[in-house]
Amino acid sequence: MGSLKIARAYDVRDGSADSADTADTAAHYLVDRLWPRGVRKDDLPLAGWPKELTPSPHLRTDFHSGALDWDQFGDAYRAELDERHSDGELDDILAELQNALAEGDVLLLFAGKDTDHTHAKVLQGWLEDNLNRD
């Protein structure tokens, strides 16, 4: 069973991800709604770009404008994910990620500069809680 990790898309592209071994062998999934600025599509070896796992535009805007602090954003994002999950919107991508983890590591890529306050960390925790990892 593989590990679920996060990294900046720019670091993977430049070969400077914290765990170069993981970056080379993991299945890469871009978890940003928008494509990373300045990155060519062929610079990232993606297994997928599941926009259904990204925060809604409204939630993202509220967080970046300061209307939501980090804790409020995390709670609201987890609630969005829970709702999508209960509506069945995430069934396909969760099965895909489960299969990828059965084969090896999965690397969730994001473009933000702040590696401590990124939706990818919230998503990583939510996925760890919601994937069947026997």
N, C-alpha and C. Protein backbone atom coordinates (compact mmCIF):
# COMPACT_ATOMS: atom_id res chain seq x y z
N MET A 1 0.86 -1.18 0.00
CA MET A 1 0.00 0.00 0.00
C MET A 1 0.89 1.23 0.00
N GLY A 2 0.62 2.13 -0.92
CA GLY A 2 1.42 3.33 -1.05
C GLY A 2 1.03 4.41 -0.06
N SER A 3 1.77 5.51 -0.12
CA SER A 3 1.53 6.67 0.73
C SER A 3 0.90 7.79 -0.08
N LEU A 4 0.14 8.61 0.62
CA LEU A 4 -0.51 9.78 0.02
C LEU A 4 0.28 11.00 0.47
N LYS A 5 0.90 11.71 -0.50
CA LYS A 5 1.76 12.84 -0.17
C LYS A 5 1.34 14.06 -0.98
N ILE A 6 1.84 15.23 -0.57
CA ILE A 6 1.57 16.45 -1.32
C ILE A 6 2.89 17.11 -1.70
N ALA A 7 2.87 17.87 -2.79
CA ALA A 7 4.06 18.62 -3.23
C ALA A 7 3.60 19.75 -4.14
N ARG A 8 4.43 20.79 -4.20
CA ARG A 8 4.16 21.88 -5.13
C ARG A 8 4.45 21.42 -6.55
N ALA A 9 3.56 21.73 -7.46
CA ALA A 9 3.74 21.35 -8.87
C ALA A 9 5.05 21.92 -9.41
N TYR A 10 5.41 23.12 -9.00
CA TYR A 10 6.64 23.75 -9.48
C TYR A 10 7.87 22.99 -9.02
N ASP A 11 7.82 22.45 -7.80
CA ASP A 11 8.96 21.69 -7.29
C ASP A 11 9.13 20.38 -8.02
N VAL A 12 8.02 19.75 -8.36
CA VAL A 12 8.09 18.50 -9.12
C VAL A 12 8.63 18.79 -10.52
N ARG A 13 8.11 19.84 -11.13
CA ARG A 13 8.57 20.21 -12.47
C ARG A 13 10.07 20.49 -12.48
N ASP A 14 10.56 21.19 -11.44
CA ASP A 14 11.96 21.58 -11.38
C ASP A 14 12.86 20.51 -10.78
N GLY A 15 12.27 19.41 -10.32
CA GLY A 15 13.05 18.34 -9.72
C GLY A 15 13.52 18.64 -8.31
N SER A 16 12.87 19.60 -7.64
CA SER A 16 13.30 19.97 -6.29
C SER A 16 12.28 19.60 -5.23
N ALA A 17 11.39 18.65 -5.52
CA ALA A 17 10.42 18.20 -4.52
C ALA A 17 11.17 17.59 -3.35
N ASP A 18 10.61 17.75 -2.14
CA ASP A 18 11.27 17.25 -0.93
C ASP A 18 11.67 15.79 -1.05
N SER A 19 10.82 14.99 -1.63
CA SER A 19 11.10 13.58 -1.77
C SER A 19 11.21 13.24 -3.25
N ALA A 20 12.40 13.41 -3.79
CA ALA A 20 12.60 13.19 -5.23
C ALA A 20 12.25 11.77 -5.64
N ASP A 21 12.53 10.80 -4.78
CA ASP A 21 12.20 9.41 -5.11
C ASP A 21 10.70 9.25 -5.29
N THR A 22 9.93 9.81 -4.38
CA THR A 22 8.47 9.73 -4.49
C THR A 22 8.00 10.45 -5.74
N ALA A 23 8.56 11.63 -6.01
CA ALA A 23 8.14 12.41 -7.17
C ALA A 23 8.39 11.65 -8.46
N ASP A 24 9.44 10.86 -8.51
CA ASP A 24 9.76 10.11 -9.73
C ASP A 24 8.86 8.90 -9.93
N THR A 25 8.44 8.26 -8.85
CA THR A 25 7.72 6.99 -8.97
C THR A 25 6.23 7.07 -8.67
N ALA A 26 5.77 8.13 -8.07
CA ALA A 26 4.37 8.23 -7.64
C ALA A 26 3.45 8.56 -8.81
N ALA A 27 2.18 8.23 -8.62
CA ALA A 27 1.13 8.69 -9.54
C ALA A 27 0.80 10.13 -9.16
N HIS A 28 0.90 11.04 -10.11
CA HIS A 28 0.71 12.47 -9.85
C HIS A 28 -0.72 12.89 -10.19
N TYR A 29 -1.34 13.61 -9.25
CA TYR A 29 -2.68 14.16 -9.46
C TYR A 29 -2.65 15.65 -9.13
N LEU A 30 -2.99 16.49 -10.09
CA LEU A 30 -3.09 17.92 -9.85
C LEU A 30 -4.41 18.18 -9.13
N VAL A 31 -4.34 18.81 -7.96
CA VAL A 31 -5.55 19.03 -7.16
C VAL A 31 -5.89 20.52 -7.04
N ASP A 32 -5.49 21.30 -8.03
CA ASP A 32 -5.89 22.70 -8.17
C ASP A 32 -6.93 22.80 -9.27
N ARG A 33 -7.87 23.70 -9.11
CA ARG A 33 -8.90 23.90 -10.14
C ARG A 33 -8.30 24.53 -11.39
N LEU A 34 -7.30 25.40 -11.20
CA LEU A 34 -6.65 26.09 -12.31
C LEU A 34 -5.28 25.47 -12.58
N TRP A 35 -4.87 25.47 -13.83
CA TRP A 35 -3.56 24.95 -14.19
C TRP A 35 -2.48 25.89 -13.62
N PRO A 36 -1.37 25.35 -13.10
CA PRO A 36 -0.31 26.20 -12.53
C PRO A 36 0.28 27.15 -13.58
N ARG A 37 0.33 28.40 -13.22
CA ARG A 37 0.84 29.43 -14.12
C ARG A 37 2.30 29.15 -14.49
N GLY A 38 2.61 29.25 -15.77
CA GLY A 38 3.98 29.10 -16.23
C GLY A 38 4.45 27.66 -16.38
N VAL A 39 3.57 26.71 -16.19
CA VAL A 39 3.93 25.29 -16.32
C VAL A 39 3.30 24.75 -17.60
N ARG A 40 4.13 24.18 -18.45
CA ARG A 40 3.60 23.56 -19.67
C ARG A 40 2.93 22.24 -19.31
N LYS A 41 1.92 21.89 -20.05
CA LYS A 41 1.17 20.66 -19.74
C LYS A 41 2.06 19.43 -19.78
N ASP A 42 3.05 19.40 -20.65
CA ASP A 42 3.91 18.22 -20.72
C ASP A 42 5.03 18.24 -19.67
N ASP A 43 5.08 19.27 -18.82
CA ASP A 43 6.07 19.32 -17.74
C ASP A 43 5.65 18.52 -16.51
N LEU A 44 4.36 18.19 -16.43
CA LEU A 44 3.87 17.42 -15.28
C LEU A 44 3.33 16.08 -15.77
N PRO A 45 3.92 15.00 -15.31
CA PRO A 45 3.44 13.67 -15.72
C PRO A 45 2.22 13.27 -14.90
N LEU A 46 1.05 13.73 -15.32
CA LEU A 46 -0.15 13.54 -14.52
C LEU A 46 -0.87 12.23 -14.81
N ALA A 47 -1.32 11.61 -13.73
CA ALA A 47 -2.24 10.48 -13.85
C ALA A 47 -3.67 11.01 -13.91
N GLY A 48 -3.88 12.23 -13.39
CA GLY A 48 -5.21 12.81 -13.40
C GLY A 48 -5.24 14.23 -12.89
N TRP A 49 -6.35 14.90 -13.19
CA TRP A 49 -6.60 16.28 -12.74
C TRP A 49 -8.04 16.33 -12.24
N PRO A 50 -8.29 15.77 -11.05
CA PRO A 50 -9.66 15.64 -10.53
C PRO A 50 -10.19 16.94 -9.92
N LYS A 51 -10.80 17.76 -10.75
CA LYS A 51 -11.31 19.05 -10.29
C LYS A 51 -12.43 18.88 -9.27
N GLU A 52 -13.06 17.70 -9.26
CA GLU A 52 -14.13 17.47 -8.29
C GLU A 52 -13.60 17.40 -6.85
N LEU A 53 -12.28 17.27 -6.69
CA LEU A 53 -11.68 17.27 -5.36
C LEU A 53 -11.20 18.65 -4.92
N THR A 54 -11.31 19.64 -5.79
CA THR A 54 -10.79 20.97 -5.46
C THR A 54 -11.86 21.80 -4.74
N PRO A 55 -11.43 22.80 -3.97
CA PRO A 55 -12.41 23.68 -3.33
C PRO A 55 -13.24 24.42 -4.39
N SER A 56 -14.48 24.71 -4.06
CA SER A 56 -15.33 25.47 -4.98
C SER A 56 -14.71 26.86 -5.20
N PRO A 57 -14.99 27.47 -6.35
CA PRO A 57 -14.47 28.82 -6.59
C PRO A 57 -14.88 29.80 -5.49
N HIS A 58 -16.11 29.70 -5.01
CA HIS A 58 -16.60 30.58 -3.94
C HIS A 58 -15.77 30.42 -2.67
N LEU A 59 -15.51 29.18 -2.29
CA LEU A 59 -14.74 28.91 -1.08
C LEU A 59 -13.30 29.41 -1.24
N ARG A 60 -12.72 29.17 -2.39
CA ARG A 60 -11.35 29.61 -2.66
C ARG A 60 -11.26 31.13 -2.59
N THR A 61 -12.24 31.82 -3.19
CA THR A 61 -12.26 33.28 -3.17
C THR A 61 -12.41 33.81 -1.75
N ASP A 62 -13.30 33.22 -0.97
CA ASP A 62 -13.50 33.66 0.42
C ASP A 62 -12.23 33.49 1.24
N PHE A 63 -11.50 32.41 1.02
CA PHE A 63 -10.27 32.19 1.78
C PHE A 63 -9.20 33.20 1.37
N HIS A 64 -9.01 33.38 0.08
CA HIS A 64 -7.95 34.28 -0.39
C HIS A 64 -8.26 35.74 -0.10
N SER A 65 -9.52 36.09 0.04
CA SER A 65 -9.88 37.48 0.35
C SER A 65 -9.80 37.76 1.85
N GLY A 66 -9.67 36.71 2.66
CA GLY A 66 -9.62 36.89 4.10
C GLY A 66 -10.96 36.76 4.79
N ALA A 67 -12.02 36.51 4.02
CA ALA A 67 -13.35 36.35 4.62
C ALA A 67 -13.40 35.10 5.50
N LEU A 68 -12.56 34.11 5.19
CA LEU A 68 -12.44 32.90 6.01
C LEU A 68 -11.00 32.77 6.49
N ASP A 69 -10.82 32.44 7.78
CA ASP A 69 -9.47 32.15 8.24
C ASP A 69 -9.16 30.69 7.90
N TRP A 70 -7.95 30.26 8.22
CA TRP A 70 -7.50 28.92 7.84
C TRP A 70 -8.40 27.82 8.42
N ASP A 71 -8.74 27.92 9.69
CA ASP A 71 -9.58 26.89 10.31
C ASP A 71 -10.98 26.86 9.70
N GLN A 72 -11.55 28.04 9.46
CA GLN A 72 -12.87 28.10 8.83
C GLN A 72 -12.83 27.52 7.42
N PHE A 73 -11.78 27.84 6.69
CA PHE A 73 -11.63 27.30 5.34
C PHE A 73 -11.55 25.77 5.38
N GLY A 74 -10.71 25.24 6.28
CA GLY A 74 -10.57 23.79 6.38
C GLY A 74 -11.89 23.11 6.69
N ASP A 75 -12.63 23.67 7.63
CA ASP A 75 -13.94 23.10 7.99
C ASP A 75 -14.91 23.14 6.81
N ALA A 76 -14.94 24.29 6.11
CA ALA A 76 -15.86 24.44 4.98
C ALA A 76 -15.47 23.52 3.82
N TYR A 77 -14.17 23.37 3.58
CA TYR A 77 -13.71 22.51 2.50
C TYR A 77 -14.02 21.05 2.80
N ARG A 78 -13.78 20.63 4.04
CA ARG A 78 -14.13 19.25 4.42
C ARG A 78 -15.64 19.02 4.27
N ALA A 79 -16.43 20.02 4.63
CA ALA A 79 -17.89 19.90 4.47
C ALA A 79 -18.27 19.76 2.99
N GLU A 80 -17.60 20.53 2.12
CA GLU A 80 -17.85 20.40 0.68
C GLU A 80 -17.51 18.99 0.21
N LEU A 81 -16.36 18.49 0.64
CA LEU A 81 -15.95 17.14 0.23
C LEU A 81 -16.92 16.09 0.76
N ASP A 82 -17.35 16.25 2.00
CA ASP A 82 -18.32 15.30 2.57
C ASP A 82 -19.62 15.30 1.77
N GLU A 83 -20.09 16.49 1.39
CA GLU A 83 -21.33 16.59 0.62
C GLU A 83 -21.18 15.94 -0.75
N ARG A 84 -20.07 16.24 -1.43
CA ARG A 84 -19.84 15.63 -2.74
C ARG A 84 -19.73 14.11 -2.63
N HIS A 85 -19.10 13.66 -1.55
CA HIS A 85 -18.95 12.22 -1.34
C HIS A 85 -20.31 11.56 -1.11
N SER A 86 -21.13 12.16 -0.27
CA SER A 86 -22.44 11.57 0.01
C SER A 86 -23.36 11.64 -1.21
N ASP A 87 -23.12 12.61 -2.11
CA ASP A 87 -23.90 12.71 -3.35
C ASP A 87 -23.39 11.77 -4.44
N GLY A 88 -22.28 11.08 -4.17
CA GLY A 88 -21.72 10.14 -5.15
C GLY A 88 -20.82 10.78 -6.19
N GLU A 89 -20.58 12.08 -6.07
CA GLU A 89 -19.76 12.79 -7.06
C GLU A 89 -18.30 12.36 -7.05
N LEU A 90 -17.84 11.77 -5.95
CA LEU A 90 -16.43 11.42 -5.81
C LEU A 90 -16.16 9.93 -5.98
N ASP A 91 -17.19 9.16 -6.27
CA ASP A 91 -17.02 7.70 -6.34
C ASP A 91 -15.91 7.28 -7.30
N ASP A 92 -15.92 7.83 -8.51
CA ASP A 92 -14.94 7.42 -9.52
C ASP A 92 -13.52 7.79 -9.12
N ILE A 93 -13.31 9.04 -8.68
CA ILE A 93 -11.95 9.45 -8.34
C ILE A 93 -11.45 8.74 -7.08
N LEU A 94 -12.32 8.49 -6.12
CA LEU A 94 -11.88 7.77 -4.93
C LEU A 94 -11.47 6.35 -5.28
N ALA A 95 -12.20 5.71 -6.18
CA ALA A 95 -11.82 4.36 -6.63
C ALA A 95 -10.49 4.41 -7.37
N GLU A 96 -10.30 5.43 -8.21
CA GLU A 96 -9.05 5.57 -8.95
C GLU A 96 -7.87 5.78 -8.00
N LEU A 97 -8.04 6.64 -7.01
CA LEU A 97 -6.97 6.88 -6.04
C LEU A 97 -6.68 5.64 -5.22
N GLN A 98 -7.73 4.92 -4.85
CA GLN A 98 -7.57 3.67 -4.10
C GLN A 98 -6.73 2.68 -4.91
N ASN A 99 -7.02 2.56 -6.20
CA ASN A 99 -6.26 1.66 -7.07
C ASN A 99 -4.82 2.12 -7.22
N ALA A 100 -4.62 3.43 -7.36
CA ALA A 100 -3.27 3.97 -7.49
C ALA A 100 -2.46 3.70 -6.22
N LEU A 101 -3.09 3.86 -5.07
CA LEU A 101 -2.40 3.59 -3.80
C LEU A 101 -2.08 2.11 -3.63
N ALA A 102 -2.87 1.24 -4.22
CA ALA A 102 -2.58 -0.19 -4.17
C ALA A 102 -1.32 -0.51 -4.96
N GLU A 103 -1.02 0.34 -5.96
CA GLU A 103 0.16 0.14 -6.81
C GLU A 103 1.40 0.85 -6.28
N GLY A 104 1.22 1.92 -5.50
CA GLY A 104 2.37 2.69 -5.02
C GLY A 104 1.93 4.00 -4.42
N ASP A 105 2.85 4.96 -4.40
CA ASP A 105 2.57 6.26 -3.80
C ASP A 105 1.73 7.13 -4.73
N VAL A 106 0.99 8.05 -4.12
CA VAL A 106 0.21 9.05 -4.86
C VAL A 106 0.67 10.42 -4.38
N LEU A 107 0.97 11.30 -5.33
CA LEU A 107 1.43 12.64 -5.03
C LEU A 107 0.38 13.63 -5.49
N LEU A 108 -0.18 14.38 -4.53
CA LEU A 108 -1.17 15.42 -4.81
C LEU A 108 -0.42 16.72 -5.07
N LEU A 109 -0.55 17.27 -6.26
CA LEU A 109 0.18 18.47 -6.64
C LEU A 109 -0.69 19.71 -6.54
N PHE A 110 -0.09 20.79 -6.03
CA PHE A 110 -0.78 22.08 -5.93
C PHE A 110 0.21 23.17 -6.32
N ALA A 111 -0.29 24.36 -6.63
CA ALA A 111 0.57 25.42 -7.13
C ALA A 111 0.85 26.52 -6.11
N GLY A 112 0.15 26.57 -5.02
CA GLY A 112 0.31 27.67 -4.06
C GLY A 112 1.70 27.76 -3.47
N LYS A 113 2.04 28.96 -3.00
CA LYS A 113 3.35 29.19 -2.38
C LYS A 113 3.36 28.76 -0.92
N ASP A 114 2.23 28.90 -0.24
CA ASP A 114 2.13 28.59 1.18
C ASP A 114 1.91 27.09 1.36
N THR A 115 2.96 26.39 1.77
CA THR A 115 2.85 24.94 1.90
C THR A 115 2.22 24.52 3.22
N ASP A 116 2.06 25.45 4.15
CA ASP A 116 1.42 25.12 5.42
C ASP A 116 -0.09 25.31 5.37
N HIS A 117 -0.53 26.31 4.63
CA HIS A 117 -1.96 26.63 4.55
C HIS A 117 -2.45 26.42 3.12
N THR A 118 -2.42 25.18 2.70
CA THR A 118 -2.88 24.82 1.36
C THR A 118 -4.04 23.84 1.44
N HIS A 119 -4.96 23.99 0.53
CA HIS A 119 -6.09 23.06 0.49
C HIS A 119 -5.61 21.62 0.29
N ALA A 120 -4.44 21.44 -0.30
CA ALA A 120 -3.92 20.08 -0.54
C ALA A 120 -3.70 19.34 0.78
N LYS A 121 -3.31 20.06 1.83
CA LYS A 121 -3.15 19.42 3.15
C LYS A 121 -4.49 18.98 3.71
N VAL A 122 -5.49 19.83 3.55
CA VAL A 122 -6.84 19.48 4.01
C VAL A 122 -7.33 18.26 3.22
N LEU A 123 -7.13 18.29 1.91
CA LEU A 123 -7.55 17.18 1.06
C LEU A 123 -6.82 15.90 1.42
N GLN A 124 -5.53 15.99 1.66
CA GLN A 124 -4.75 14.81 2.05
C GLN A 124 -5.34 14.16 3.30
N GLY A 125 -5.62 14.96 4.31
CA GLY A 125 -6.22 14.44 5.54
C GLY A 125 -7.59 13.84 5.30
N TRP A 126 -8.40 14.52 4.49
CA TRP A 126 -9.74 14.01 4.20
C TRP A 126 -9.65 12.68 3.45
N LEU A 127 -8.77 12.60 2.48
CA LEU A 127 -8.62 11.35 1.73
C LEU A 127 -8.14 10.22 2.63
N GLU A 128 -7.20 10.52 3.51
CA GLU A 128 -6.70 9.49 4.43
C GLU A 128 -7.83 8.97 5.31
N ASP A 129 -8.76 9.83 5.66
CA ASP A 129 -9.90 9.42 6.48
C ASP A 129 -10.99 8.69 5.69
N ASN A 130 -11.04 8.92 4.37
CA ASN A 130 -12.17 8.42 3.59
C ASN A 130 -11.85 7.33 2.58
N LEU A 131 -10.58 7.05 2.36
CA LEU A 131 -10.23 5.95 1.47
C LEU A 131 -10.17 4.66 2.28
N ASN A 132 -10.61 3.57 1.67
CA ASN A 132 -10.53 2.26 2.33
C ASN A 132 -9.11 1.75 2.20
N ARG A 133 -8.33 1.95 3.23
CA ARG A 133 -6.91 1.58 3.17
C ARG A 133 -6.67 0.42 4.12
N ASP A 134 -7.00 -0.78 3.66
CA ASP A 134 -6.84 -1.97 4.49
C ASP A 134 -5.40 -2.44 4.48
